[in-house]
């Protein structure tokens, strides 16, 4: 009885951690939302060209408003925001030796929305593996497992930083058009410091995995490391080809991450790995979801991609068609999830979250798509933000199914 209570309490705490990450201020994805300043939203007074005050159109609620940059509290560019004056101040503060400004630039360099995805995948995958393993929580050696889990999380975050960091180094010129808020493109981080950060993350991460985890996981980690590297680095630079780019992101974030975490936890509790219906489902579902993210991430970047001859589905097919296609693919993914729950034998899944939860997420997707205006970059960014929100929510469902 005591073991059962302890198990339930532990699982409840882990689930609440996921919900807290989804709702806490530090983990919001509001930076996607175009209620802050973007380059395309700045309207200079045609008579007074002195930039102060600026007219800023805000379309987060479908309406426009006028704000004074000097008086507004803008969320700094984490993902999609661009306040030229705030970035200029940050550059000056960094030159003056401000550690706070440097740490803020380093935080942006790690692309926080991808970090959230990695953390949620880790917590949800760990929770799922513990639930699936009888006696794992009651008999767990927490003094050994918790430090190892922390080391594993650090290794994953370092791998994440390595991949997104090296992309920013090689995409500096493109980012000056597409993502001028990123620290290398904006000048908040020097190329030299960016290389030091990427090199440190790219070396320390593999060392940690090699030292503390089975060699199988090291091979999986290095596969993801290599795919993430060749995505950005010439001469291969798979991001130039939309099919290769989509396959790379889907493999790393969809399959390797979810499989690797589950495998690591099973190894830590001394249980042999086996494909369960739930793990097989999340691997399939998230691989498809990551493929959609790989395509939709290019929707706001057409200008820079065309200027630097980067072929993406968005530049080839156009924003409206890609948005429609992405929505259809995600809807089919949800239909697949609902069908899996309906057709599964009794006891394989918890039917209410598996079926009802995915119906709710599918309806959310349709509602977001209905609000999309393909010709409006702020609207496109909002749509992309909502896709990431659904991605995060799927990991919450994963602990419940």
Foldseek 3Di string as FASTA:
>chain_A
DVLVVQLVVVLVVLLVVLVCLDPPPVNDPCLLFQQAADPVQWDADPVDRPPFFIAGFGCSPDGGDGDGVVPDDGDARLDHHDDLVVLVVLLVCVVVPDPVSLVVLLNSLLSSLVLSLLVLLLSLLLLLLCVVDPPLRSPPPCVPPVVLSVLLSLLSSLLSSLLSLLQCLLCLVLCCVQPCRRCPVVVSDDSVVSVVSNVVSLPVSLVSCVPRHDVVLSVLSVVLSVLSNLCRDPDNNLQLPAVSQLQSQLCNSQASSNVSSSCRSCVSSPHHDDDAPLSVLSSVLSSLLSSLLSQLVCLSSLVSCVVVNRDGCCVVPHQVVSLVVSLVSNLVSLVVQLVCLVPDDPPSADNCLSNVVSVVLNVVLVVLSVQADSVDSSSSSVNSSSSSSSSSVVSSSSSHD
